[in-house]
Structure formats: C-alpha cells, structure tokens
Amino acid sequence: MKDEHDIEKQLKKAKPEYLMCRDIRHPWQPYDAHRDGKRRTIIRMLVCPRCGTLRHDVLDFSGYVVSQRYEYPEGYQLKGGSMTAGDRAMMRIMTTSRISRKEQ
C-alpha cells in the first residue's frame, strides 16, 4: 500500500510544468510521422511542448489506434503507481494555488 504522504512530497517537488500537464493534460503538437509498410501501420509521434513527454501512436491505414506508448522526461513519473482520486484532488489544489500566486 502506498504512503499518501509520499505522493504529496513527490508532487510538492515536481516541476510546475509536470503538475500542469498532469492536471489539465498535455497540449500535444505533431513531431514526426511515417508509414511502416511491412506492418501496414502509421507511426505518429506527438510532443508536449510544456513538459517534453513524447507520445507514440501506432495507427492502422484506416486511422484506428493499434497501440500507444509514452516516453516521459526524467522526474515526471511518480513512484508508487497510479494516483488516487484524493491524490488528483490535492494536485489540482497545488496547481491552482501556484497559478493564483502568479496573478498576485
């Protein structure tokens, strides 16, 4: 069982752009694309300009997603597995308080 205080410590140490992407999602931009004729798929790569995460989509020739994988920058992923609903709520408060401090 994960220690929720450990998640809180990790979130407090996280880069602001990492928290923002976790909270409001990544603003994906096209990065690269090419066809893999042998496998009859299209490989599409997207990049998040805010945090640097790379998303690799494998599409069939009709455009359906066959698979996806992500390459996260160092320090983006949290130790201890998935975040709970409570972890996400705490993260949203952290993100919002950082935004409100900037406006003051």
PDB file of N, CA and C in Angstrom:
ATOM      1  N   MET A   1       0.850  -1.189   0.000  1.00  0.00           N
ATOM      2  CA  MET A   1       0.000   0.000   0.000  1.00  0.00           C
ATOM      3  C   MET A   1       0.892   1.246   0.000  1.00  0.00           C
ATOM      4  N   LYS A   2       0.570   2.188  -0.850  1.00  0.00           N
ATOM      5  CA  LYS A   2       1.426   3.370  -0.931  1.00  0.00           C
ATOM      6  C   LYS A   2       1.126   4.370   0.169  1.00  0.00           C
ATOM      7  N   ASP A   3       2.135   5.098   0.530  1.00  0.00           N
ATOM      8  CA  ASP A   3       2.035   6.128   1.561  1.00  0.00           C
ATOM      9  C   ASP A   3       1.590   7.427   0.885  1.00  0.00           C
ATOM     10  N   GLU A   4       0.378   7.890   1.187  1.00  0.00           N
ATOM     11  CA  GLU A   4      -0.148   9.080   0.522  1.00  0.00           C
ATOM     12  C   GLU A   4       0.703  10.312   0.801  1.00  0.00           C
ATOM     13  N   HIS A   5       1.354  10.352   1.952  1.00  0.00           N
ATOM     14  CA  HIS A   5       2.225  11.486   2.249  1.00  0.00           C
ATOM     15  C   HIS A   5       3.429  11.478   1.317  1.00  0.00           C
ATOM     16  N   ASP A   6       3.878  10.294   0.913  1.00  0.00           N
ATOM     17  CA  ASP A   6       4.980  10.189  -0.029  1.00  0.00           C
ATOM     18  C   ASP A   6       4.563  10.789  -1.371  1.00  0.00           C
ATOM     19  N   ILE A   7       3.346  10.517  -1.838  1.00  0.00           N
ATOM     20  CA  ILE A   7       2.844  11.109  -3.083  1.00  0.00           C
ATOM     21  C   ILE A   7       2.795  12.625  -2.937  1.00  0.00           C
ATOM     22  N   GLU A   8       2.327  13.098  -1.791  1.00  0.00           N
ATOM     23  CA  GLU A   8       2.259  14.543  -1.552  1.00  0.00           C
ATOM     24  C   GLU A   8       3.659  15.161  -1.631  1.00  0.00           C
ATOM     25  N   LYS A   9       4.650  14.510  -1.042  1.00  0.00           N
ATOM     26  CA  LYS A   9       6.029  15.012  -1.093  1.00  0.00           C
ATOM     27  C   LYS A   9       6.535  15.060  -2.530  1.00  0.00           C
ATOM     28  N   GLN A  10       6.234  14.002  -3.292  1.00  0.00           N
ATOM     29  CA  GLN A  10       6.674  13.961  -4.689  1.00  0.00           C
ATOM     30  C   GLN A  10       6.013  15.071  -5.507  1.00  0.00           C
ATOM     31  N   LEU A  11       4.728  15.295  -5.273  1.00  0.00           N
ATOM     32  CA  LEU A  11       4.020  16.352  -6.005  1.00  0.00           C
ATOM     33  C   LEU A  11       4.573  17.732  -5.653  1.00  0.00           C
ATOM     34  N   LYS A  12       4.900  17.942  -4.380  1.00  0.00           N
ATOM     35  CA  LYS A  12       5.451  19.239  -3.967  1.00  0.00           C
ATOM     36  C   LYS A  12       6.806  19.505  -4.612  1.00  0.00           C
ATOM     37  N   LYS A  13       7.573  18.437  -4.886  1.00  0.00           N
ATOM     38  CA  LYS A  13       8.893  18.580  -5.505  1.00  0.00           C
ATOM     39  C   LYS A  13       8.832  18.619  -7.033  1.00  0.00           C
ATOM     40  N   ALA A  14       7.691  18.270  -7.600  1.00  0.00           N
ATOM     41  CA  ALA A  14       7.560  18.174  -9.061  1.00  0.00           C
ATOM     42  C   ALA A  14       7.673  19.544  -9.723  1.00  0.00           C
ATOM     43  N   LYS A  15       8.207  19.539 -10.929  1.00  0.00           N
ATOM     44  CA  LYS A  15       8.287  20.782 -11.701  1.00  0.00           C
ATOM     45  C   LYS A  15       6.872  21.285 -11.974  1.00  0.00           C
ATOM     46  N   PRO A  16       6.661  22.598 -11.968  1.00  0.00           N
ATOM     47  CA  PRO A  16       5.316  23.144 -12.208  1.00  0.00           C
ATOM     48  C   PRO A  16       4.714  22.674 -13.533  1.00  0.00           C
ATOM     49  N   GLU A  17       5.533  22.565 -14.583  1.00  0.00           N
ATOM     50  CA  GLU A  17       5.000  22.122 -15.876  1.00  0.00           C
ATOM     51  C   GLU A  17       4.542  20.666 -15.827  1.00  0.00           C
ATOM     52  N   TYR A  18       5.162  19.839 -14.997  1.00  0.00           N
ATOM     53  CA  TYR A  18       4.730  18.450 -14.848  1.00  0.00           C
ATOM     54  C   TYR A  18       3.359  18.406 -14.174  1.00  0.00           C
ATOM     55  N   LEU A  19       3.199  19.207 -13.116  1.00  0.00           N
ATOM     56  CA  LEU A  19       1.899  19.247 -12.440  1.00  0.00           C
ATOM     57  C   LEU A  19       0.812  19.761 -13.374  1.00  0.00           C
ATOM     58  N   MET A  20       1.126  20.782 -14.154  1.00  0.00           N
ATOM     59  CA  MET A  20       0.128  21.350 -15.063  1.00  0.00           C
ATOM     60  C   MET A  20      -0.324  20.297 -16.083  1.00  0.00           C
ATOM     61  N   CYS A  21       0.618  19.549 -16.635  1.00  0.00           N
ATOM     62  CA  CYS A  21       0.250  18.513 -17.605  1.00  0.00           C
ATOM     63  C   CYS A  21      -0.566  17.401 -16.953  1.00  0.00           C
ATOM     64  N   ARG A  22      -0.214  17.046 -15.738  1.00  0.00           N
ATOM     65  CA  ARG A  22      -0.991  16.022 -15.030  1.00  0.00           C
ATOM     66  C   ARG A  22      -2.410  16.519 -14.756  1.00  0.00           C
ATOM     67  N   ASP A  23      -2.537  17.791 -14.450  1.00  0.00           N
ATOM     68  CA  ASP A  23      -3.832  18.368 -14.089  1.00  0.00           C
ATOM     69  C   ASP A  23      -4.711  18.616 -15.317  1.00  0.00           C
ATOM     70  N   ILE A  24      -4.219  19.406 -16.269  1.00  0.00           N
ATOM     71  CA  ILE A  24      -5.081  19.794 -17.400  1.00  0.00           C
ATOM     72  C   ILE A  24      -4.721  19.103 -18.711  1.00  0.00           C
ATOM     73  N   ARG A  25      -3.833  18.152 -18.641  1.00  0.00           N
ATOM     74  CA  ARG A  25      -3.420  17.317 -19.775  1.00  0.00           C
ATOM     75  C   ARG A  25      -2.405  18.020 -20.664  1.00  0.00           C
ATOM     76  N   HIS A  26      -1.812  17.222 -21.521  1.00  0.00           N
ATOM     77  CA  HIS A  26      -0.751  17.702 -22.411  1.00  0.00           C
ATOM     78  C   HIS A  26      -1.329  18.433 -23.631  1.00  0.00           C
ATOM     79  N   PRO A  27      -0.721  19.556 -24.034  1.00  0.00           N
ATOM     80  CA  PRO A  27      -1.120  20.240 -25.281  1.00  0.00           C
ATOM     81  C   PRO A  27      -0.298  19.684 -26.465  1.00  0.00           C
ATOM     82  N   TRP A  28      -0.656  18.493 -26.930  1.00  0.00           N
ATOM     83  CA  TRP A  28       0.138  17.775 -27.932  1.00  0.00           C
ATOM     84  C   TRP A  28       0.345  18.582 -29.207  1.00  0.00           C
ATOM     85  N   GLN A  29       1.555  18.451 -29.751  1.00  0.00           N
ATOM     86  CA  GLN A  29       1.885  19.033 -31.055  1.00  0.00           C
ATOM     87  C   GLN A  29       2.527  17.948 -31.914  1.00  0.00           C
ATOM     88  N   PRO A  30       2.274  17.966 -33.241  1.00  0.00           N
ATOM     89  CA  PRO A  30       2.902  16.982 -34.127  1.00  0.00           C
ATOM     90  C   PRO A  30       4.423  17.069 -34.046  1.00  0.00           C
ATOM     91  N   TYR A  31       5.075  15.913 -34.084  1.00  0.00           N
ATOM     92  CA  TYR A  31       6.528  15.846 -34.004  1.00  0.00           C
ATOM     93  C   TYR A  31       7.115  15.097 -35.201  1.00  0.00           C
ATOM     94  N   ASP A  32       6.524  13.936 -35.531  1.00  0.00           N
ATOM     95  CA  ASP A  32       7.025  13.132 -36.647  1.00  0.00           C
ATOM     96  C   ASP A  32       5.955  12.114 -37.020  1.00  0.00           C
ATOM     97  N   ALA A  33       6.025  11.627 -38.256  1.00  0.00           N
ATOM     98  CA  ALA A  33       5.123  10.561 -38.694  1.00  0.00           C
ATOM     99  C   ALA A  33       5.752   9.839 -39.877  1.00  0.00           C
ATOM    100  N   HIS A  34       5.528   8.539 -39.938  1.00  0.00           N
ATOM    101  CA  HIS A  34       5.990   7.764 -41.095  1.00  0.00           C
ATOM    102  C   HIS A  34       5.180   6.470 -41.204  1.00  0.00           C
ATOM    103  N   ARG A  35       5.179   5.918 -42.414  1.00  0.00           N
ATOM    104  CA  ARG A  35       4.477   4.656 -42.674  1.00  0.00           C
ATOM    105  C   ARG A  35       5.424   3.486 -42.452  1.00  0.00           C
ATOM    106  N   ASP A  36       4.875   2.411 -41.923  1.00  0.00           N
ATOM    107  CA  ASP A  36       5.591   1.149 -41.816  1.00  0.00           C
ATOM    108  C   ASP A  36       4.849   0.168 -42.717  1.00  0.00           C
ATOM    109  N   GLY A  37       5.290   0.125 -43.991  1.00  0.00           N
ATOM    110  CA  GLY A  37       4.607  -0.704 -44.980  1.00  0.00           C
ATOM    111  C   GLY A  37       4.605  -2.182 -44.644  1.00  0.00           C
ATOM    112  N   LYS A  38       5.670  -2.663 -44.030  1.00  0.00           N
ATOM    113  CA  LYS A  38       5.771  -4.080 -43.668  1.00  0.00           C
ATOM    114  C   LYS A  38       4.681  -4.471 -42.665  1.00  0.00           C
ATOM    115  N   ARG A  39       4.453  -3.601 -41.676  1.00  0.00           N
ATOM    116  CA  ARG A  39       3.431  -3.878 -40.658  1.00  0.00           C
ATOM    117  C   ARG A  39       2.084  -3.258 -41.018  1.00  0.00           C
ATOM    118  N   ARG A  40       2.041  -2.515 -42.117  1.00  0.00           N
ATOM    119  CA  ARG A  40       0.832  -1.838 -42.589  1.00  0.00           C
ATOM    120  C   ARG A  40       0.264  -0.910 -41.506  1.00  0.00           C
ATOM    121  N   THR A  41       1.162  -0.096 -40.937  1.00  0.00           N
ATOM    122  CA  THR A  41       0.763   0.858 -39.906  1.00  0.00           C
ATOM    123  C   THR A  41       1.398   2.216 -40.188  1.00  0.00           C
ATOM    124  N   ILE A  42       0.887   3.203 -39.487  1.00  0.00           N
ATOM    125  CA  ILE A  42       1.438   4.558 -39.495  1.00  0.00           C
ATOM    126  C   ILE A  42       1.940   4.829 -38.087  1.00  0.00           C
ATOM    127  N   ILE A  43       3.162   5.295 -37.985  1.00  0.00           N
ATOM    128  CA  ILE A  43       3.732   5.662 -36.688  1.00  0.00           C
ATOM    129  C   ILE A  43       3.669   7.184 -36.588  1.00  0.00           C
ATOM    130  N   ARG A  44       2.960   7.670 -35.591  1.00  0.00           N
ATOM    131  CA  ARG A  44       2.817   9.107 -35.390  1.00  0.00           C
ATOM    132  C   ARG A  44       3.390   9.458 -34.024  1.00  0.00           C
ATOM    133  N   MET A  45       4.240  10.480 -34.006  1.00  0.00           N
ATOM    134  CA  MET A  45       4.802  10.944 -32.735  1.00  0.00           C
ATOM    135  C   MET A  45       4.320  12.354 -32.452  1.00  0.00           C
ATOM    136  N   LEU A  46       3.919  12.561 -31.210  1.00  0.00           N
ATOM    137  CA  LEU A  46       3.486  13.869 -30.739  1.00  0.00           C
ATOM    138  C   LEU A  46       4.366  14.249 -29.557  1.00  0.00           C
ATOM    139  N   VAL A  47       4.577  15.543 -29.370  1.00  0.00           N
ATOM    140  CA  VAL A  47       5.393  16.018 -28.261  1.00  0.00           C
ATOM    141  C   VAL A  47       4.605  17.059 -27.474  1.00  0.00           C
ATOM    142  N   CYS A  48       4.801  17.057 -26.177  1.00  0.00           N
ATOM    143  CA  CYS A  48       4.215  18.086 -25.322  1.00  0.00           C
ATOM    144  C   CYS A  48       5.254  19.193 -25.163  1.00  0.00           C
ATOM    145  N   PRO A  49       4.959  20.398 -25.666  1.00  0.00           N
ATOM    146  CA  PRO A  49       5.927  21.483 -25.558  1.00  0.00           C
ATOM    147  C   PRO A  49       6.109  21.995 -24.128  1.00  0.00           C
ATOM    148  N   ARG A  50       5.182  21.651 -23.244  1.00  0.00           N
ATOM    149  CA  ARG A  50       5.262  22.134 -21.866  1.00  0.00           C
ATOM    150  C   ARG A  50       6.198  21.257 -21.021  1.00  0.00           C
ATOM    151  N   CYS A  51       6.057  19.925 -21.116  1.00  0.00           N
ATOM    152  CA  CYS A  51       6.849  19.053 -20.236  1.00  0.00           C
ATOM    153  C   CYS A  51       7.845  18.167 -20.980  1.00  0.00           C
ATOM    154  N   GLY A  52       7.699  18.038 -22.293  1.00  0.00           N
ATOM    155  CA  GLY A  52       8.637  17.242 -23.073  1.00  0.00           C
ATOM    156  C   GLY A  52       8.264  15.786 -23.256  1.00  0.00           C
ATOM    157  N   THR A  53       7.107  15.357 -22.773  1.00  0.00           N
ATOM    158  CA  THR A  53       6.676  13.976 -22.968  1.00  0.00           C
ATOM    159  C   THR A  53       6.478  13.702 -24.458  1.00  0.00           C
ATOM    160  N   LEU A  54       6.899  12.509 -24.889  1.00  0.00           N
ATOM    161  CA  LEU A  54       6.671  12.062 -26.268  1.00  0.00           C
ATOM    162  C   LEU A  54       5.594  10.989 -26.271  1.00  0.00           C
ATOM    163  N   ARG A  55       4.669  11.089 -27.209  1.00  0.00           N
ATOM    164  CA  ARG A  55       3.620  10.077 -27.370  1.00  0.00           C
ATOM    165  C   ARG A  55       3.806   9.401 -28.717  1.00  0.00           C
ATOM    166  N   HIS A  56       3.841   8.085 -28.718  1.00  0.00           N
ATOM    167  CA  HIS A  56       3.988   7.296 -29.938  1.00  0.00           C
ATOM    168  C   HIS A  56       2.656   6.596 -30.207  1.00  0.00           C
ATOM    169  N   ASP A  57       2.010   6.943 -31.307  1.00  0.00           N
ATOM    170  CA  ASP A  57       0.765   6.287 -31.714  1.00  0.00           C
ATOM    171  C   ASP A  57       1.061   5.368 -32.884  1.00  0.00           C
ATOM    172  N   VAL A  58       0.560   4.148 -32.816  1.00  0.00           N
ATOM    173  CA  VAL A  58       0.615   3.242 -33.958  1.00  0.00           C
ATOM    174  C   VAL A  58      -0.817   3.144 -34.472  1.00  0.00           C
ATOM    175  N   LEU A  59      -1.012   3.553 -35.730  1.00  0.00           N
ATOM    176  CA  LEU A  59      -2.336   3.572 -36.351  1.00  0.00           C
ATOM    177  C   LEU A  59      -2.368   2.577 -37.498  1.00  0.00           C
ATOM    178  N   ASP A  60      -3.537   1.973 -37.744  1.00  0.00           N
ATOM    179  CA  ASP A  60      -3.641   1.175 -38.967  1.00  0.00           C
ATOM    180  C   ASP A  60      -3.899   2.137 -40.122  1.00  0.00           C
ATOM    181  N   PHE A  61      -3.895   1.634 -41.339  1.00  0.00           N
ATOM    182  CA  PHE A  61      -4.035   2.515 -42.501  1.00  0.00           C
ATOM    183  C   PHE A  61      -5.414   3.175 -42.588  1.00  0.00           C
ATOM    184  N   SER A  62      -6.372   2.728 -41.785  1.00  0.00           N
ATOM    185  CA  SER A  62      -7.689   3.376 -41.731  1.00  0.00           C
ATOM    186  C   SER A  62      -7.729   4.469 -40.665  1.00  0.00           C
ATOM    187  N   GLY A  63      -6.653   4.587 -39.859  1.00  0.00           N
ATOM    188  CA  GLY A  63      -6.592   5.611 -38.832  1.00  0.00           C
ATOM    189  C   GLY A  63      -6.951   5.139 -37.438  1.00  0.00           C
ATOM    190  N   TYR A  64      -7.289   3.853 -37.291  1.00  0.00           N
ATOM    191  CA  TYR A  64      -7.609   3.335 -35.964  1.00  0.00           C
ATOM    192  C   TYR A  64      -6.330   3.146 -35.149  1.00  0.00           C
ATOM    193  N   VAL A  65      -6.413   3.445 -33.850  1.00  0.00           N
ATOM    194  CA  VAL A  65      -5.258   3.307 -32.971  1.00  0.00           C
ATOM    195  C   VAL A  65      -5.036   1.831 -32.656  1.00  0.00           C
ATOM    196  N   VAL A  66      -3.842   1.355 -32.979  1.00  0.00           N
ATOM    197  CA  VAL A  66      -3.449  -0.019 -32.680  1.00  0.00           C
ATOM    198  C   VAL A  66      -2.799  -0.068 -31.297  1.00  0.00           C
ATOM    199  N   SER A  67      -1.932   0.906 -31.017  1.00  0.00           N
ATOM    200  CA  SER A  67      -1.287   0.988 -29.702  1.00  0.00           C
ATOM    201  C   SER A  67      -0.752   2.394 -29.477  1.00  0.00           C
ATOM    202  N   GLN A  68      -0.471   2.681 -28.224  1.00  0.00           N
ATOM    203  CA  GLN A  68       0.137   3.959 -27.827  1.00  0.00           C
ATOM    204  C   GLN A  68       1.147   3.669 -26.732  1.00  0.00           C
ATOM    205  N   ARG A  69       2.204   4.465 -26.728  1.00  0.00           N
ATOM    206  CA  ARG A  69       3.142   4.421 -25.604  1.00  0.00           C
ATOM    207  C   ARG A  69       3.680   5.826 -25.395  1.00  0.00           C
ATOM    208  N   TYR A  70       4.193   6.057 -24.208  1.00  0.00           N
ATOM    209  CA  TYR A  70       4.670   7.381 -23.832  1.00  0.00           C
ATOM    210  C   TYR A  70       6.114   7.300 -23.342  1.00  0.00           C
ATOM    211  N   GLU A  71       6.887   8.328 -23.647  1.00  0.00           N
ATOM    212  CA  GLU A  71       8.235   8.493 -23.102  1.00  0.00           C
ATOM    213  C   GLU A  71       8.205   9.762 -22.257  1.00  0.00           C
ATOM    214  N   TYR A  72       8.355   9.566 -20.946  1.00  0.00           N
ATOM    215  CA  TYR A  72       8.276  10.698 -20.020  1.00  0.00           C
ATOM    216  C   TYR A  72       9.665  11.241 -19.706  1.00  0.00           C
ATOM    217  N   PRO A  73       9.779  12.544 -19.478  1.00  0.00           N
ATOM    218  CA  PRO A  73      11.070  13.097 -19.061  1.00  0.00           C
ATOM    219  C   PRO A  73      11.425  12.628 -17.648  1.00  0.00           C
ATOM    220  N   GLU A  74      12.700  12.694 -17.356  1.00  0.00           N
ATOM    221  CA  GLU A  74      13.193  12.315 -16.026  1.00  0.00           C
ATOM    222  C   GLU A  74      12.452  13.120 -14.962  1.00  0.00           C
ATOM    223  N   GLY A  75      11.939  12.417 -13.951  1.00  0.00           N
ATOM    224  CA  GLY A  75      11.258  13.081 -12.844  1.00  0.00           C
ATOM    225  C   GLY A  75       9.760  13.263 -13.027  1.00  0.00           C
ATOM    226  N   TYR A  76       9.225  12.917 -14.210  1.00  0.00           N
ATOM    227  CA  TYR A  76       7.786  13.112 -14.438  1.00  0.00           C
ATOM    228  C   TYR A  76       6.964  12.054 -13.702  1.00  0.00           C
ATOM    229  N   GLN A  77       7.382  10.810 -13.816  1.00  0.00           N
ATOM    230  CA  GLN A  77       6.600   9.729 -13.216  1.00  0.00           C
ATOM    231  C   GLN A  77       6.785   9.684 -11.706  1.00  0.00           C
ATOM    232  N   LEU A  78       5.700   9.372 -11.020  1.00  0.00           N
ATOM    233  CA  LEU A  78       5.721   9.286  -9.568  1.00  0.00           C
ATOM    234  C   LEU A  78       5.979   7.848  -9.150  1.00  0.00           C
ATOM    235  N   LYS A  79       6.704   7.679  -8.070  1.00  0.00           N
ATOM    236  CA  LYS A  79       6.932   6.345  -7.510  1.00  0.00           C
ATOM    237  C   LYS A  79       5.691   5.946  -6.728  1.00  0.00           C
ATOM    238  N   GLY A  80       5.308   4.695  -6.822  1.00  0.00           N
ATOM    239  CA  GLY A  80       4.171   4.220  -6.043  1.00  0.00           C
ATOM    240  C   GLY A  80       2.945   3.908  -6.874  1.00  0.00           C
ATOM    241  N   GLY A  81       3.044   4.020  -8.204  1.00  0.00           N
ATOM    242  CA  GLY A  81       1.923   3.633  -9.049  1.00  0.00           C
ATOM    243  C   GLY A  81       0.959   4.754  -9.347  1.00  0.00           C
ATOM    244  N   SER A  82      -0.257   4.372  -9.660  1.00  0.00           N
ATOM    245  CA  SER A  82      -1.288   5.324 -10.071  1.00  0.00           C
ATOM    246  C   SER A  82      -1.715   6.228  -8.924  1.00  0.00           C
ATOM    247  N   MET A  83      -2.130   7.419  -9.302  1.00  0.00           N
ATOM    248  CA  MET A  83      -2.639   8.364  -8.317  1.00  0.00           C
ATOM    249  C   MET A  83      -4.093   8.040  -7.998  1.00  0.00           C
ATOM    250  N   THR A  84      -4.467   8.220  -6.745  1.00  0.00           N
ATOM    251  CA  THR A  84      -5.857   8.024  -6.336  1.00  0.00           C
ATOM    252  C   THR A  84      -6.650   9.294  -6.657  1.00  0.00           C
ATOM    253  N   ALA A  85      -7.957   9.226  -6.499  1.00  0.00           N
ATOM    254  CA  ALA A  85      -8.799  10.414  -6.688  1.00  0.00           C
ATOM    255  C   ALA A  85      -8.381  11.513  -5.705  1.00  0.00           C
ATOM    256  N   GLY A  86      -8.020  11.119  -4.490  1.00  0.00           N
ATOM    257  CA  GLY A  86      -7.565  12.083  -3.484  1.00  0.00           C
ATOM    258  C   GLY A  86      -6.245  12.740  -3.874  1.00  0.00           C
ATOM    259  N   ASP A  87      -5.331  11.925  -4.460  1.00  0.00           N
ATOM    260  CA  ASP A  87      -4.050  12.471  -4.939  1.00  0.00           C
ATOM    261  C   ASP A  87      -4.300  13.517  -6.023  1.00  0.00           C
ATOM    262  N   ARG A  88      -5.213  13.202  -6.936  1.00  0.00           N
ATOM    263  CA  ARG A  88      -5.510  14.119  -8.042  1.00  0.00           C
ATOM    264  C   ARG A  88      -6.151  15.417  -7.530  1.00  0.00           C
ATOM    265  N   ALA A  89      -7.013  15.291  -6.541  1.00  0.00           N
ATOM    266  CA  ALA A  89      -7.636  16.481  -5.954  1.00  0.00           C
ATOM    267  C   ALA A  89      -6.573  17.377  -5.312  1.00  0.00           C
ATOM    268  N   MET A  90      -5.644  16.761  -4.567  1.00  0.00           N
ATOM    269  CA  MET A  90      -4.561  17.513  -3.935  1.00  0.00           C
ATOM    270  C   MET A  90      -3.703  18.195  -4.999  1.00  0.00           C
ATOM    271  N   MET A  91      -3.420  17.499  -6.095  1.00  0.00           N
ATOM    272  CA  MET A  91      -2.614  18.061  -7.175  1.00  0.00           C
ATOM    273  C   MET A  91      -3.308  19.263  -7.810  1.00  0.00           C
ATOM    274  N   ARG A  92      -4.627  19.171  -8.012  1.00  0.00           N
ATOM    275  CA  ARG A  92      -5.363  20.299  -8.598  1.00  0.00           C
ATOM    276  C   ARG A  92      -5.290  21.534  -7.706  1.00  0.00           C
ATOM    277  N   ILE A  93      -5.362  21.325  -6.387  1.00  0.00           N
ATOM    278  CA  ILE A  93      -5.242  22.447  -5.447  1.00  0.00           C
ATOM    279  C   ILE A  93      -3.839  23.048  -5.550  1.00  0.00           C
ATOM    280  N   MET A  94      -2.817  22.206  -5.631  1.00  0.00           N
ATOM    281  CA  MET A  94      -1.434  22.702  -5.756  1.00  0.00           C
ATOM    282  C   MET A  94      -1.272  23.525  -7.032  1.00  0.00           C
ATOM    283  N   THR A  95      -1.774  23.001  -8.130  1.00  0.00           N
ATOM    284  CA  THR A  95      -1.656  23.691  -9.418  1.00  0.00           C
ATOM    285  C   THR A  95      -2.397  25.019  -9.375  1.00  0.00           C
ATOM    286  N   THR A  96      -3.596  25.005  -8.845  1.00  0.00           N
ATOM    287  CA  THR A  96      -4.412  26.218  -8.780  1.00  0.00           C
ATOM    288  C   THR A  96      -3.778  27.260  -7.863  1.00  0.00           C
ATOM    289  N   SER A  97      -3.217  26.829  -6.748  1.00  0.00           N
ATOM    290  CA  SER A  97      -2.596  27.798  -5.834  1.00  0.00           C
ATOM    291  C   SER A  97      -1.348  28.411  -6.470  1.00  0.00           C
ATOM    292  N   ARG A  98      -0.608  27.652  -7.278  1.00  0.00           N
ATOM    293  CA  ARG A  98       0.560  28.213  -7.974  1.00  0.00           C
ATOM    294  C   ARG A  98       0.121  29.250  -9.008  1.00  0.00           C
ATOM    295  N   ILE A  99      -0.979  28.981  -9.691  1.00  0.00           N
ATOM    296  CA  ILE A  99      -1.492  29.938 -10.686  1.00  0.00           C
ATOM    297  C   ILE A  99      -1.940  31.210  -9.979  1.00  0.00           C
ATOM    298  N   SER A 100      -2.686  31.072  -8.880  1.00  0.00           N
ATOM    299  CA  SER A 100      -3.229  32.256  -8.191  1.00  0.00           C
ATOM    300  C   SER A 100      -2.104  33.102  -7.589  1.00  0.00           C
ATOM    301  N   ARG A 101      -0.997  32.488  -7.172  1.00  0.00           N
ATOM    302  CA  ARG A 101       0.143  33.258  -6.642  1.00  0.00           C
ATOM    303  C   ARG A 101       0.807  34.064  -7.738  1.00  0.00           C
ATOM    304  N   LYS A 102       0.823  33.551  -8.963  1.00  0.00           N
ATOM    305  CA  LYS A 102       1.426  34.276 -10.081  1.00  0.00           C
ATOM    306  C   LYS A 102       0.650  35.547 -10.397  1.00  0.00           C
ATOM    307  N   GLU A 103      -0.672  35.503 -10.217  1.00  0.00           N
ATOM    308  CA  GLU A 103      -1.522  36.642 -10.562  1.00  0.00           C
ATOM    309  C   GLU A 103      -1.448  37.758  -9.533  1.00  0.00           C
ATOM    310  N   GLN A 104      -0.960  37.475  -8.333  1.00  0.00           N
ATOM    311  CA  GLN A 104      -0.937  38.488  -7.271  1.00  0.00           C
ATOM    312  C   GLN A 104       0.254  39.392  -7.389  1.00  0.00           C
TER     313      GLN A 104
END
